[in-house]
């Protein structure tokens, strides 16, 4: 049994749509976002000789959320995000090649300040 270390980096871009509300004075602002991500994975193993490999994959993401205006410039938010389609991430291992799936779901609390 080896102690593998897998790290990932993500670069993404997309479109965010904030839904208009009937009341212009409302403090709640729901939104949805869609886009694409590039995931880069790096694996390190403590085998002898030491082994490492890199791989990249293109994936999609979807995001839903809500922001709340708590002041003239301050906003708090809650966001749910899902990354999907990374099952073509092929990484080499000391015993051959392996396919990795690094899809994920996350929930984040955000704080924003308007300049």
PDB file of N, CA and C in Angstrom:
ATOM      1  N   UNK A   1       0.834  -1.204   0.000  1.00  0.00           N
ATOM      2  CA  UNK A   1       0.000   0.000   0.000  1.00  0.00           C
ATOM      3  C   UNK A   1       0.868   1.254   0.000  1.00  0.00           C
ATOM      4  N   UNK A   2       0.570   2.137  -0.909  1.00  0.00           N
ATOM      5  CA  UNK A   2       1.320   3.389  -1.046  1.00  0.00           C
ATOM      6  C   UNK A   2       0.491   4.542  -0.509  1.00  0.00           C
ATOM      7  N   UNK A   3       1.168   5.581  -0.076  1.00  0.00           N
ATOM      8  CA  UNK A   3       0.522   6.797   0.408  1.00  0.00           C
ATOM      9  C   UNK A   3       0.562   7.822  -0.721  1.00  0.00           C
ATOM     10  N   UNK A   4      -0.454   7.824  -1.574  1.00  0.00           N
ATOM     11  CA  UNK A   4      -0.520   8.729  -2.714  1.00  0.00           C
ATOM     12  C   UNK A   4      -0.972  10.111  -2.263  1.00  0.00           C
ATOM     13  N   UNK A   5      -0.500  11.135  -2.964  1.00  0.00           N
ATOM     14  CA  UNK A   5      -0.982  12.494  -2.741  1.00  0.00           C
ATOM     15  C   UNK A   5      -1.467  13.035  -4.080  1.00  0.00           C
ATOM     16  N   UNK A   6      -2.752  13.360  -4.155  1.00  0.00           N
ATOM     17  CA  UNK A   6      -3.360  13.894  -5.363  1.00  0.00           C
ATOM     18  C   UNK A   6      -3.811  15.322  -5.078  1.00  0.00           C
ATOM     19  N   UNK A   7      -3.325  16.273  -5.847  1.00  0.00           N
ATOM     20  CA  UNK A   7      -3.751  17.665  -5.703  1.00  0.00           C
ATOM     21  C   UNK A   7      -4.402  18.110  -7.006  1.00  0.00           C
ATOM     22  N   UNK A   8      -5.364  19.015  -6.902  1.00  0.00           N
ATOM     23  CA  UNK A   8      -6.038  19.532  -8.095  1.00  0.00           C
ATOM     24  C   UNK A   8      -6.051  21.048  -8.075  1.00  0.00           C
ATOM     25  N   UNK A   9      -6.081  21.614  -9.265  1.00  0.00           N
ATOM     26  CA  UNK A   9      -6.247  23.057  -9.463  1.00  0.00           C
ATOM     27  C   UNK A   9      -7.371  23.239 -10.461  1.00  0.00           C
ATOM     28  N   UNK A  10      -8.127  24.309 -10.305  1.00  0.00           N
ATOM     29  CA  UNK A  10      -9.257  24.549 -11.195  1.00  0.00           C
ATOM     30  C   UNK A  10      -9.251  25.997 -11.675  1.00  0.00           C
ATOM     31  N   UNK A  11      -9.453  26.161 -12.978  1.00  0.00           N
ATOM     32  CA  UNK A  11      -9.606  27.477 -13.593  1.00  0.00           C
ATOM     33  C   UNK A  11     -10.949  27.446 -14.317  1.00  0.00           C
ATOM     34  N   UNK A  12     -11.815  28.434 -14.043  1.00  0.00           N
ATOM     35  CA  UNK A  12     -13.143  28.379 -14.634  1.00  0.00           C
ATOM     36  C   UNK A  12     -13.616  29.754 -15.076  1.00  0.00           C
ATOM     37  N   UNK A  13     -14.575  29.730 -15.974  1.00  0.00           N
ATOM     38  CA  UNK A  13     -15.223  30.947 -16.450  1.00  0.00           C
ATOM     39  C   UNK A  13     -16.609  30.598 -16.944  1.00  0.00           C
ATOM     40  N   UNK A  14     -17.515  31.546 -16.854  1.00  0.00           N
ATOM     41  CA  UNK A  14     -18.868  31.263 -17.291  1.00  0.00           C
ATOM     42  C   UNK A  14     -19.750  32.494 -17.244  1.00  0.00           C
ATOM     43  N   UNK A  15     -21.026  32.254 -17.289  1.00  0.00           N
ATOM     44  CA  UNK A  15     -22.021  33.328 -17.307  1.00  0.00           C
ATOM     45  C   UNK A  15     -22.900  33.210 -16.062  1.00  0.00           C
ATOM     46  N   UNK A  16     -23.139  34.345 -15.412  1.00  0.00           N
ATOM     47  CA  UNK A  16     -24.012  34.402 -14.233  1.00  0.00           C
ATOM     48  C   UNK A  16     -25.191  35.306 -14.551  1.00  0.00           C
ATOM     49  N   UNK A  17     -26.386  34.808 -14.265  1.00  0.00           N
ATOM     50  CA  UNK A  17     -27.607  35.576 -14.469  1.00  0.00           C
ATOM     51  C   UNK A  17     -28.280  35.800 -13.124  1.00  0.00           C
ATOM     52  N   UNK A  18     -28.499  37.058 -12.766  1.00  0.00           N
ATOM     53  CA  UNK A  18     -29.227  37.409 -11.546  1.00  0.00           C
ATOM     54  C   UNK A  18     -30.667  37.713 -11.947  1.00  0.00           C
ATOM     55  N   UNK A  19     -31.616  37.002 -11.352  1.00  0.00           N
ATOM     56  CA  UNK A  19     -33.024  37.153 -11.705  1.00  0.00           C
ATOM     57  C   UNK A  19     -33.560  38.501 -11.241  1.00  0.00           C
ATOM     58  N   UNK A  20     -34.291  39.181 -12.122  1.00  0.00           N
ATOM     59  CA  UNK A  20     -34.916  40.439 -11.686  1.00  0.00           C
ATOM     60  C   UNK A  20     -36.058  40.134 -10.716  1.00  0.00           C
ATOM     61  N   UNK A  21     -36.261  41.038  -9.792  1.00  0.00           N
ATOM     62  CA  UNK A  21     -37.352  40.874  -8.826  1.00  0.00           C
ATOM     63  C   UNK A  21     -38.420  41.916  -9.107  1.00  0.00           C
ATOM     64  N   UNK A  22     -39.656  41.596  -8.751  1.00  0.00           N
ATOM     65  CA  UNK A  22     -40.771  42.512  -8.990  1.00  0.00           C
ATOM     66  C   UNK A  22     -40.612  43.781  -8.162  1.00  0.00           C
ATOM     67  N   UNK A  23     -40.084  43.641  -6.970  1.00  0.00           N
ATOM     68  CA  UNK A  23     -39.894  44.777  -6.073  1.00  0.00           C
ATOM     69  C   UNK A  23     -38.441  45.227  -6.157  1.00  0.00           C
ATOM     70  N   UNK A  24     -38.191  46.424  -6.667  1.00  0.00           N
ATOM     71  CA  UNK A  24     -36.826  46.926  -6.828  1.00  0.00           C
ATOM     72  C   UNK A  24     -36.121  47.146  -5.489  1.00  0.00           C
ATOM     73  N   UNK A  25     -36.876  47.235  -4.401  1.00  0.00           N
ATOM     74  CA  UNK A  25     -36.282  47.461  -3.086  1.00  0.00           C
ATOM     75  C   UNK A  25     -35.988  46.159  -2.341  1.00  0.00           C
ATOM     76  N   UNK A  26     -36.191  45.027  -3.005  1.00  0.00           N
ATOM     77  CA  UNK A  26     -35.946  43.758  -2.311  1.00  0.00           C
ATOM     78  C   UNK A  26     -34.465  43.591  -2.002  1.00  0.00           C
ATOM     79  N   UNK A  27     -34.163  42.901  -0.911  1.00  0.00           N
ATOM     80  CA  UNK A  27     -32.770  42.679  -0.524  1.00  0.00           C
ATOM     81  C   UNK A  27     -32.273  41.299  -0.958  1.00  0.00           C
ATOM     82  N   UNK A  28     -33.164  40.456  -1.492  1.00  0.00           N
ATOM     83  CA  UNK A  28     -32.806  39.104  -1.937  1.00  0.00           C
ATOM     84  C   UNK A  28     -32.560  39.098  -3.435  1.00  0.00           C
ATOM     85  N   UNK A  29     -31.465  38.491  -3.871  1.00  0.00           N
ATOM     86  CA  UNK A  29     -31.111  38.455  -5.286  1.00  0.00           C
ATOM     87  C   UNK A  29     -30.713  37.029  -5.687  1.00  0.00           C
ATOM     88  N   UNK A  30     -31.652  36.219  -6.239  1.00  0.00           N
ATOM     89  CA  UNK A  30     -31.326  34.863  -6.675  1.00  0.00           C
ATOM     90  C   UNK A  30     -30.550  34.888  -7.994  1.00  0.00           C
ATOM     91  N   UNK A  31     -29.667  33.895  -8.179  1.00  0.00           N
ATOM     92  CA  UNK A  31     -28.899  33.829  -9.419  1.00  0.00           C
ATOM     93  C   UNK A  31     -28.609  32.380  -9.804  1.00  0.00           C
ATOM     94  N   UNK A  32     -28.244  32.210 -11.068  1.00  0.00           N
ATOM     95  CA  UNK A  32     -27.821  30.927 -11.623  1.00  0.00           C
ATOM     96  C   UNK A  32     -26.599  31.193 -12.499  1.00  0.00           C
ATOM     97  N   UNK A  33     -25.682  30.235 -12.558  1.00  0.00           N
ATOM     98  CA  UNK A  33     -24.485  30.394 -13.385  1.00  0.00           C
ATOM     99  C   UNK A  33     -24.152  29.057 -14.042  1.00  0.00           C
ATOM    100  N   UNK A  34     -23.631  29.128 -15.265  1.00  0.00           N
ATOM    101  CA  UNK A  34     -23.164  27.965 -16.019  1.00  0.00           C
ATOM    102  C   UNK A  34     -21.823  28.304 -16.628  1.00  0.00           C
ATOM    103  N   UNK A  35     -20.966  27.304 -16.769  1.00  0.00           N
ATOM    104  CA  UNK A  35     -19.685  27.586 -17.385  1.00  0.00           C
ATOM    105  C   UNK A  35     -18.829  26.349 -17.582  1.00  0.00           C
ATOM    106  N   UNK A  36     -17.580  26.599 -17.901  1.00  0.00           N
ATOM    107  CA  UNK A  36     -16.609  25.539 -18.150  1.00  0.00           C
ATOM    108  C   UNK A  36     -15.425  25.697 -17.208  1.00  0.00           C
ATOM    109  N   UNK A  37     -14.822  24.563 -16.849  1.00  0.00           N
ATOM    110  CA  UNK A  37     -13.655  24.527 -15.975  1.00  0.00           C
ATOM    111  C   UNK A  37     -12.573  23.672 -16.616  1.00  0.00           C
ATOM    112  N   UNK A  38     -11.339  24.018 -16.345  1.00  0.00           N
ATOM    113  CA  UNK A  38     -10.210  23.163 -16.682  1.00  0.00           C
ATOM    114  C   UNK A  38      -9.636  22.691 -15.352  1.00  0.00           C
ATOM    115  N   UNK A  39      -9.601  21.385 -15.164  1.00  0.00           N
ATOM    116  CA  UNK A  39      -9.074  20.781 -13.944  1.00  0.00           C
ATOM    117  C   UNK A  39      -7.683  20.226 -14.247  1.00  0.00           C
ATOM    118  N   UNK A  40      -6.729  20.571 -13.413  1.00  0.00           N
ATOM    119  CA  UNK A  40      -5.375  20.011 -13.532  1.00  0.00           C
ATOM    120  C   UNK A  40      -5.112  19.214 -12.270  1.00  0.00           C
ATOM    121  N   UNK A  41      -4.712  17.970 -12.434  1.00  0.00           N
ATOM    122  CA  UNK A  41      -4.416  17.103 -11.292  1.00  0.00           C
ATOM    123  C   UNK A  41      -2.942  16.722 -11.317  1.00  0.00           C
ATOM    124  N   UNK A  42      -2.365  16.584 -10.135  1.00  0.00           N
ATOM    125  CA  UNK A  42      -0.969  16.177  -9.996  1.00  0.00           C
ATOM    126  C   UNK A  42      -0.907  15.085  -8.935  1.00  0.00           C
ATOM    127  N   UNK A  43      -0.212  13.985  -9.247  1.00  0.00           N
ATOM    128  CA  UNK A  43      -0.084  12.886  -8.299  1.00  0.00           C
ATOM    129  C   UNK A  43       1.391  12.680  -7.947  1.00  0.00           C
ATOM    130  N   UNK A  44       1.638  12.472  -6.659  1.00  0.00           N
ATOM    131  CA  UNK A  44       2.967  12.141  -6.137  1.00  0.00           C
ATOM    132  C   UNK A  44       2.862  10.844  -5.354  1.00  0.00           C
ATOM    133  N   UNK A  45       3.862   9.977  -5.520  1.00  0.00           N
ATOM    134  CA  UNK A  45       3.900   8.738  -4.737  1.00  0.00           C
ATOM    135  C   UNK A  45       5.271   8.597  -4.094  1.00  0.00           C
ATOM    136  N   UNK A  46       5.330   7.953  -2.941  1.00  0.00           N
ATOM    137  CA  UNK A  46       6.607   7.769  -2.256  1.00  0.00           C
ATOM    138  C   UNK A  46       7.333   6.484  -2.663  1.00  0.00           C
ATOM    139  N   UNK A  47       6.982   5.923  -3.810  1.00  0.00           N
ATOM    140  CA  UNK A  47       7.619   4.686  -4.241  1.00  0.00           C
ATOM    141  C   UNK A  47       9.085   4.925  -4.570  1.00  0.00           C
ATOM    142  N   UNK A  48       9.811   3.843  -4.764  1.00  0.00           N
ATOM    143  CA  UNK A  48      11.203   3.984  -5.185  1.00  0.00           C
ATOM    144  C   UNK A  48      11.337   3.378  -6.562  1.00  0.00           C
ATOM    145  N   UNK A  49      11.692   4.103  -7.593  1.00  0.00           N
ATOM    146  CA  UNK A  49      11.976   5.536  -7.525  1.00  0.00           C
ATOM    147  C   UNK A  49      10.677   6.331  -7.383  1.00  0.00           C
ATOM    148  N   UNK A  50      10.753   7.565  -6.840  1.00  0.00           N
ATOM    149  CA  UNK A  50       9.548   8.400  -6.690  1.00  0.00           C
ATOM    150  C   UNK A  50       8.862   8.607  -8.041  1.00  0.00           C
ATOM    151  N   UNK A  51       7.542   8.692  -8.000  1.00  0.00           N
ATOM    152  CA  UNK A  51       6.756   8.793  -9.222  1.00  0.00           C
ATOM    153  C   UNK A  51       5.820   9.982  -9.117  1.00  0.00           C
ATOM    154  N   UNK A  52       5.662  10.727 -10.221  1.00  0.00           N
ATOM    155  CA  UNK A  52       4.660  11.780 -10.271  1.00  0.00           C
ATOM    156  C   UNK A  52       4.152  11.920 -11.688  1.00  0.00           C
ATOM    157  N   UNK A  53       2.949  12.460 -11.830  1.00  0.00           N
ATOM    158  CA  UNK A  53       2.330  12.643 -13.135  1.00  0.00           C
ATOM    159  C   UNK A  53       1.335  13.792 -13.037  1.00  0.00           C
ATOM    160  N   UNK A  54       1.034  14.376 -14.186  1.00  0.00           N
ATOM    161  CA  UNK A  54       0.041  15.450 -14.306  1.00  0.00           C
ATOM    162  C   UNK A  54      -0.979  15.070 -15.359  1.00  0.00           C
ATOM    163  N   UNK A  55      -2.204  15.559 -15.208  1.00  0.00           N
ATOM    164  CA  UNK A  55      -3.251  15.364 -16.199  1.00  0.00           C
ATOM    165  C   UNK A  55      -4.217  16.541 -16.124  1.00  0.00           C
ATOM    166  N   UNK A  56      -4.907  16.801 -17.222  1.00  0.00           N
ATOM    167  CA  UNK A  56      -5.892  17.889 -17.278  1.00  0.00           C
ATOM    168  C   UNK A  56      -7.167  17.389 -17.939  1.00  0.00           C
ATOM    169  N   UNK A  57      -8.285  18.002 -17.603  1.00  0.00           N
ATOM    170  CA  UNK A  57      -9.574  17.651 -18.203  1.00  0.00           C
ATOM    171  C   UNK A  57     -10.457  18.887 -18.260  1.00  0.00           C
ATOM    172  N   UNK A  58     -11.316  18.918 -19.252  1.00  0.00           N
ATOM    173  CA  UNK A  58     -12.315  19.971 -19.392  1.00  0.00           C
ATOM    174  C   UNK A  58     -13.604  19.486 -18.751  1.00  0.00           C
ATOM    175  N   UNK A  59     -14.260  20.344 -17.982  1.00  0.00           N
ATOM    176  CA  UNK A  59     -15.494  19.971 -17.276  1.00  0.00           C
ATOM    177  C   UNK A  59     -16.482  21.131 -17.333  1.00  0.00           C
ATOM    178  N   UNK A  60     -17.708  20.854 -16.971  1.00  0.00           N
ATOM    179  CA  UNK A  60     -18.733  21.880 -16.886  1.00  0.00           C
ATOM    180  C   UNK A  60     -19.114  22.121 -15.435  1.00  0.00           C
ATOM    181  N   UNK A  61     -19.727  23.275 -15.168  1.00  0.00           N
ATOM    182  CA  UNK A  61     -20.231  23.529 -13.815  1.00  0.00           C
ATOM    183  C   UNK A  61     -21.562  24.254 -13.889  1.00  0.00           C
ATOM    184  N   UNK A  62     -22.336  24.059 -12.832  1.00  0.00           N
ATOM    185  CA  UNK A  62     -23.609  24.765 -12.660  1.00  0.00           C
ATOM    186  C   UNK A  62     -23.639  25.285 -11.231  1.00  0.00           C
ATOM    187  N   UNK A  63     -24.211  26.457 -11.083  1.00  0.00           N
ATOM    188  CA  UNK A  63     -24.214  27.116  -9.779  1.00  0.00           C
ATOM    189  C   UNK A  63     -25.573  27.765  -9.553  1.00  0.00           C
ATOM    190  N   UNK A  64     -26.081  27.644  -8.324  1.00  0.00           N
ATOM    191  CA  UNK A  64     -27.307  28.320  -7.900  1.00  0.00           C
ATOM    192  C   UNK A  64     -27.006  29.056  -6.613  1.00  0.00           C
ATOM    193  N   UNK A  65     -27.604  30.217  -6.461  1.00  0.00           N
ATOM    194  CA  UNK A  65     -27.330  30.929  -5.228  1.00  0.00           C
ATOM    195  C   UNK A  65     -28.281  32.074  -4.978  1.00  0.00           C
ATOM    196  N   UNK A  66     -28.029  32.734  -3.844  1.00  0.00           N
ATOM    197  CA  UNK A  66     -28.837  33.870  -3.421  1.00  0.00           C
ATOM    198  C   UNK A  66     -27.913  34.830  -2.681  1.00  0.00           C
ATOM    199  N   UNK A  67     -28.044  36.110  -2.980  1.00  0.00           N
ATOM    200  CA  UNK A  67     -27.329  37.110  -2.189  1.00  0.00           C
ATOM    201  C   UNK A  67     -28.349  37.947  -1.425  1.00  0.00           C
ATOM    202  N   UNK A  68     -27.883  38.519  -0.345  1.00  0.00           N
ATOM    203  CA  UNK A  68     -28.727  39.312   0.537  1.00  0.00           C
ATOM    204  C   UNK A  68     -28.013  40.625   0.800  1.00  0.00           C
ATOM    205  N   UNK A  69     -28.632  41.735   0.426  1.00  0.00           N
ATOM    206  CA  UNK A  69     -28.062  43.062   0.664  1.00  0.00           C
ATOM    207  C   UNK A  69     -28.279  43.432   2.129  1.00  0.00           C
ATOM    208  N   UNK A  70     -27.199  43.439   2.917  1.00  0.00           N
ATOM    209  CA  UNK A  70     -27.324  43.770   4.335  1.00  0.00           C
ATOM    210  C   UNK A  70     -26.986  45.228   4.610  1.00  0.00           C
ATOM    211  N   UNK A  71     -26.542  45.923   3.613  1.00  0.00           N
ATOM    212  CA  UNK A  71     -26.218  47.340   3.713  1.00  0.00           C
ATOM    213  C   UNK A  71     -26.109  47.912   2.312  1.00  0.00           C
ATOM    214  N   UNK A  72     -25.755  49.182   2.232  1.00  0.00           N
ATOM    215  CA  UNK A  72     -25.654  49.824   0.925  1.00  0.00           C
ATOM    216  C   UNK A  72     -24.569  49.179   0.062  1.00  0.00           C
ATOM    217  N   UNK A  73     -23.487  48.714   0.691  1.00  0.00           N
ATOM    218  CA  UNK A  73     -22.369  48.129  -0.057  1.00  0.00           C
ATOM    219  C   UNK A  73     -22.055  46.671   0.304  1.00  0.00           C
ATOM    220  N   UNK A  74     -22.639  46.155   1.363  1.00  0.00           N
ATOM    221  CA  UNK A  74     -22.303  44.821   1.853  1.00  0.00           C
ATOM    222  C   UNK A  74     -23.360  43.794   1.449  1.00  0.00           C
ATOM    223  N   UNK A  75     -22.893  42.652   0.907  1.00  0.00           N
ATOM    224  CA  UNK A  75     -23.781  41.559   0.533  1.00  0.00           C
ATOM    225  C   UNK A  75     -23.286  40.255   1.145  1.00  0.00           C
ATOM    226  N   UNK A  76     -24.224  39.450   1.629  1.00  0.00           N
ATOM    227  CA  UNK A  76     -23.932  38.090   2.078  1.00  0.00           C
ATOM    228  C   UNK A  76     -24.583  37.134   1.083  1.00  0.00           C
ATOM    229  N   UNK A  77     -24.016  35.970   0.923  1.00  0.00           N
ATOM    230  CA  UNK A  77     -24.578  35.043  -0.048  1.00  0.00           C
ATOM    231  C   UNK A  77     -24.412  33.595   0.341  1.00  0.00           C
ATOM    232  N   UNK A  78     -25.206  32.755  -0.312  1.00  0.00           N
ATOM    233  CA  UNK A  78     -25.128  31.313  -0.156  1.00  0.00           C
ATOM    234  C   UNK A  78     -25.179  30.723  -1.564  1.00  0.00           C
ATOM    235  N   UNK A  79     -24.193  29.875  -1.881  1.00  0.00           N
ATOM    236  CA  UNK A  79     -24.054  29.340  -3.232  1.00  0.00           C
ATOM    237  C   UNK A  79     -23.870  27.832  -3.200  1.00  0.00           C
ATOM    238  N   UNK A  80     -24.561  27.136  -4.090  1.00  0.00           N
ATOM    239  CA  UNK A  80     -24.353  25.713  -4.316  1.00  0.00           C
ATOM    240  C   UNK A  80     -23.751  25.530  -5.695  1.00  0.00           C
ATOM    241  N   UNK A  81     -22.730  24.668  -5.801  1.00  0.00           N
ATOM    242  CA  UNK A  81     -22.012  24.511  -7.072  1.00  0.00           C
ATOM    243  C   UNK A  81     -21.766  23.032  -7.331  1.00  0.00           C
ATOM    244  N   UNK A  82     -21.907  22.618  -8.590  1.00  0.00           N
ATOM    245  CA  UNK A  82     -21.631  21.250  -8.989  1.00  0.00           C
ATOM    246  C   UNK A  82     -20.708  21.263 -10.195  1.00  0.00           C
ATOM    247  N   UNK A  83     -19.616  20.510 -10.105  1.00  0.00           N
ATOM    248  CA  UNK A  83     -18.686  20.339 -11.221  1.00  0.00           C
ATOM    249  C   UNK A  83     -18.893  18.927 -11.757  1.00  0.00           C
ATOM    250  N   UNK A  84     -19.002  18.787 -13.078  1.00  0.00           N
ATOM    251  CA  UNK A  84     -19.312  17.478 -13.655  1.00  0.00           C
ATOM    252  C   UNK A  84     -18.541  17.269 -14.955  1.00  0.00           C
ATOM    253  N   UNK A  85     -18.304  15.999 -15.284  1.00  0.00           N
ATOM    254  CA  UNK A  85     -17.687  15.640 -16.556  1.00  0.00           C
ATOM    255  C   UNK A  85     -16.182  15.455 -16.519  1.00  0.00           C
ATOM    256  N   UNK A  86     -15.611  15.173 -15.360  1.00  0.00           N
ATOM    257  CA  UNK A  86     -14.155  15.026 -15.271  1.00  0.00           C
ATOM    258  C   UNK A  86     -13.698  13.571 -15.334  1.00  0.00           C
ATOM    259  N   UNK A  87     -14.555  12.654 -15.771  1.00  0.00           N
ATOM    260  CA  UNK A  87     -14.184  11.241 -15.758  1.00  0.00           C
ATOM    261  C   UNK A  87     -13.173  10.866 -16.840  1.00  0.00           C
ATOM    262  N   UNK A  88     -12.696  11.815 -17.625  1.00  0.00           N
ATOM    263  CA  UNK A  88     -11.668  11.508 -18.627  1.00  0.00           C
ATOM    264  C   UNK A  88     -10.288  11.988 -18.184  1.00  0.00           C
ATOM    265  N   UNK A  89     -10.081  12.112 -16.892  1.00  0.00           N
ATOM    266  CA  UNK A  89      -8.801  12.543 -16.332  1.00  0.00           C
ATOM    267  C   UNK A  89      -7.924  11.301 -16.156  1.00  0.00           C
ATOM    268  N   UNK A  90      -6.995  11.074 -17.083  1.00  0.00           N
ATOM    269  CA  UNK A  90      -6.139   9.887 -17.055  1.00  0.00           C
ATOM    270  C   UNK A  90      -4.796  10.231 -16.443  1.00  0.00           C
ATOM    271  N   UNK A  91      -4.492   9.569 -15.318  1.00  0.00           N
ATOM    272  CA  UNK A  91      -3.252   9.821 -14.574  1.00  0.00           C
ATOM    273  C   UNK A  91      -2.454   8.531 -14.514  1.00  0.00           C
ATOM    274  N   UNK A  92      -1.150   8.648 -14.730  1.00  0.00           N
ATOM    275  CA  UNK A  92      -0.276   7.494 -14.602  1.00  0.00           C
ATOM    276  C   UNK A  92      -0.034   7.168 -13.147  1.00  0.00           C
ATOM    277  N   UNK A  93       0.147   5.898 -12.856  1.00  0.00           N
ATOM    278  CA  UNK A  93       0.489   5.430 -11.509  1.00  0.00           C
ATOM    279  C   UNK A  93       1.703   4.514 -11.638  1.00  0.00           C
ATOM    280  N   UNK A  94       2.331   4.130 -10.543  1.00  0.00           N
ATOM    281  CA  UNK A  94       3.487   3.225 -10.638  1.00  0.00           C
ATOM    282  C   UNK A  94       3.153   1.884 -11.283  1.00  0.00           C
ATOM    283  N   UNK A  95       1.890   1.479 -11.270  1.00  0.00           N
ATOM    284  CA  UNK A  95       1.509   0.180 -11.840  1.00  0.00           C
ATOM    285  C   UNK A  95       0.771   0.303 -13.167  1.00  0.00           C
ATOM    286  N   UNK A  96       0.719   1.492 -13.761  1.00  0.00           N
ATOM    287  CA  UNK A  96       0.020   1.679 -15.032  1.00  0.00           C
ATOM    288  C   UNK A  96      -0.718   2.993 -15.057  1.00  0.00           C
ATOM    289  N   UNK A  97      -1.785   3.050 -15.855  1.00  0.00           N
ATOM    290  CA  UNK A  97      -2.573   4.276 -15.965  1.00  0.00           C
ATOM    291  C   UNK A  97      -3.921   4.075 -15.299  1.00  0.00           C
ATOM    292  N   UNK A  98      -4.431   5.137 -14.686  1.00  0.00           N
ATOM    293  CA  UNK A  98      -5.706   5.083 -13.997  1.00  0.00           C
ATOM    294  C   UNK A  98      -6.554   6.276 -14.415  1.00  0.00           C
ATOM    295  N   UNK A  99      -7.846   6.071 -14.498  1.00  0.00           N
ATOM    296  CA  UNK A  99      -8.776   7.147 -14.820  1.00  0.00           C
ATOM    297  C   UNK A  99      -9.355   7.697 -13.525  1.00  0.00           C
ATOM    298  N   UNK A 100      -9.330   9.005 -13.376  1.00  0.00           N
ATOM    299  CA  UNK A 100      -9.822   9.636 -12.151  1.00  0.00           C
ATOM    300  C   UNK A 100     -11.052  10.485 -12.451  1.00  0.00           C
ATOM    301  N   UNK A 101     -11.958  10.506 -11.509  1.00  0.00           N
ATOM    302  CA  UNK A 101     -13.157  11.336 -11.572  1.00  0.00           C
ATOM    303  C   UNK A 101     -13.078  12.306 -10.401  1.00  0.00           C
ATOM    304  N   UNK A 102     -12.904  13.597 -10.681  1.00  0.00           N
ATOM    305  CA  UNK A 102     -12.792  14.587  -9.607  1.00  0.00           C
ATOM    306  C   UNK A 102     -13.994  15.535  -9.599  1.00  0.00           C
ATOM    307  N   UNK A 103     -15.163  15.034 -10.042  1.00  0.00           N
ATOM    308  CA  UNK A 103     -16.402  15.806  -9.926  1.00  0.00           C
ATOM    309  C   UNK A 103     -16.645  16.117  -8.452  1.00  0.00           C
ATOM    310  N   UNK A 104     -17.336  17.230  -8.192  1.00  0.00           N
ATOM    311  CA  UNK A 104     -17.647  17.560  -6.800  1.00  0.00           C
ATOM    312  C   UNK A 104     -18.864  18.456  -6.713  1.00  0.00           C
ATOM    313  N   UNK A 105     -19.415  18.528  -5.524  1.00  0.00           N
ATOM    314  CA  UNK A 105     -20.479  19.470  -5.180  1.00  0.00           C
ATOM    315  C   UNK A 105     -19.991  20.257  -3.968  1.00  0.00           C
ATOM    316  N   UNK A 106     -20.336  21.548  -3.928  1.00  0.00           N
ATOM    317  CA  UNK A 106     -19.917  22.372  -2.795  1.00  0.00           C
ATOM    318  C   UNK A 106     -21.004  23.377  -2.447  1.00  0.00           C
ATOM    319  N   UNK A 107     -20.961  23.812  -1.195  1.00  0.00           N
ATOM    320  CA  UNK A 107     -21.824  24.883  -0.705  1.00  0.00           C
ATOM    321  C   UNK A 107     -20.902  25.915  -0.080  1.00  0.00           C
ATOM    322  N   UNK A 108     -21.103  27.181  -0.421  1.00  0.00           N
ATOM    323  CA  UNK A 108     -20.229  28.235   0.091  1.00  0.00           C
ATOM    324  C   UNK A 108     -21.046  29.408   0.620  1.00  0.00           C
ATOM    325  N   UNK A 109     -20.549  29.985   1.695  1.00  0.00           N
ATOM    326  CA  UNK A 109     -21.076  31.224   2.246  1.00  0.00           C
ATOM    327  C   UNK A 109     -20.143  32.333   1.744  1.00  0.00           C
ATOM    328  N   UNK A 110     -20.712  33.401   1.187  1.00  0.00           N
ATOM    329  CA  UNK A 110     -19.883  34.459   0.605  1.00  0.00           C
ATOM    330  C   UNK A 110     -20.160  35.803   1.267  1.00  0.00           C
ATOM    331  N   UNK A 111     -19.157  36.644   1.238  1.00  0.00           N
ATOM    332  CA  UNK A 111     -19.252  38.028   1.691  1.00  0.00           C
ATOM    333  C   UNK A 111     -18.747  38.903   0.558  1.00  0.00           C
ATOM    334  N   UNK A 112     -19.533  39.878   0.160  1.00  0.00           N
ATOM    335  CA  UNK A 112     -19.147  40.773  -0.912  1.00  0.00           C
ATOM    336  C   UNK A 112     -19.246  42.219  -0.506  1.00  0.00           C
ATOM    337  N   UNK A 113     -18.349  43.028  -1.037  1.00  0.00           N
ATOM    338  CA  UNK A 113     -18.363  44.463  -0.760  1.00  0.00           C
ATOM    339  C   UNK A 113     -18.285  45.203  -2.089  1.00  0.00           C
ATOM    340  N   UNK A 114     -19.253  46.066  -2.359  1.00  0.00           N
ATOM    341  CA  UNK A 114     -19.301  46.833  -3.594  1.00  0.00           C
ATOM    342  C   UNK A 114     -18.457  48.091  -3.452  1.00  0.00           C
ATOM    343  N   UNK A 115     -17.528  48.275  -4.373  1.00  0.00           N
ATOM    344  CA  UNK A 115     -16.684  49.474  -4.353  1.00  0.00           C
ATOM    345  C   UNK A 115     -17.349  50.656  -5.014  1.00  0.00           C
TER     346      UNK A 115
END
